[in-house]
């Protein structure tokens, strides 16, 4: 913030503006006392130049809306002196009458960092005791979700999230969401699927969905019996988590699809996405097919034109997030996109599903998202307003709020637990 005095400091090309002074100090004080105070002090709002006379110019200064003309008959230093006296008289007048306005004061407390010592060379930290205003808004992850109520992680069905990226993305895309969830108290695993992110595997050599999602199935193989997670998938990651839901239903408390491919039994991802290809010229323009086995054979991967990434995926994102994506995104293996899923009611159908729609999505349109939801309705549907295809970049707080709300949905009672509860009520004669 610049110095407020810069607004009224004289320059070589302009004379300093001066204030009109009353012939008596008491009159000046009276005039001063009638002007409104903001935050305990008058504020200079604007200055305007009046018509020039032959030998001198008249200046006016708007002081909280009251215009005062300078008659040119006072030396500027005298004017400043008299104004200072007027201000002092005004202060004394308010002090005697007990009518001083509230001044916003700030005091700082300096305290050493924990374990701070000369050997460590730690720097002291500073905190301000000034009351925060709305412009200083600081929100903790818990406040984003629960207002002023503290989230009780230990009371949840599970506090463990597993985040699965979409096609072309990697674990890197979750950095904001992962940070917010961890700061709220959750445990979070993010994964680079085969050929994605930092994985060194050649994307063109991936021949099946099982191969592509192996880093994800490894997580579930290592998960202790009786432990559950909330499984989250974005984009093509929706097909990936569906594959895992069929394999590990007892280990998944809830599944969350974020602008994702939510398939039914016998469908593949290409079947779903091809429904909008005719109307999505941007997607057609952005796609670049790669032929790892030669041009005379089917494509092995799909890449994207980096110059169209912002328009297609990140139309609501910051420049730095688009830059991160442009240097981090990798081709999508084509064989897994063509693979039809086998999804049963017993396994896949037993996992509770939630869908998060992205309103400003140019990659997977709202029409397609709603068609998938209508085809096989999930338990609940959420929507992030103003979000593009990457809400973890463009609307991280909104996405975080929804994820934690889903985590707070209580587990469904089984028929056996309901029977036990009824028997308990009968035995205690409370029915």
Foldseek 3Di string as FASTA:
>chain_A
DDDLCVVQDDDPVDDGAFFDDDPDLVVLLVVVVVADDDQQHWDFDDWDWDDQDDPGGKIWTQTNNDIGIDPPPDDRVVRVVSVVSSVVVNVVVCVVVVNRDDHQDKDKDWDADVVDDVVVVGDIDIDIPGDDDPVNDDDALQCLAPNPDQDDQVPFPAQEEEEEEAFQAALVLLPLLCVRSVSSPGHYHYGGFAPAFPHPHPLLPDAALCNRCVRVVVVVVPDDPPAAYEYEAAAQRLVSVLQVQQVCVVRYQAYEYELYDPDDAFDFQCVLQVVCVVVQVLVVQFWDFDCPPDPVDDTFWIDTDLVSCCVQFNVQFDPVSSVVSSVRGDTGTDNHRRDGDHGDCVGSVVHAYEYEYECAESHRHPVSVVVSCVVPPGPYYHYDPPGYSRCSGRPVSVVSNVVVVVSRPHGDDDPVNVVVVVVVCVVVVND
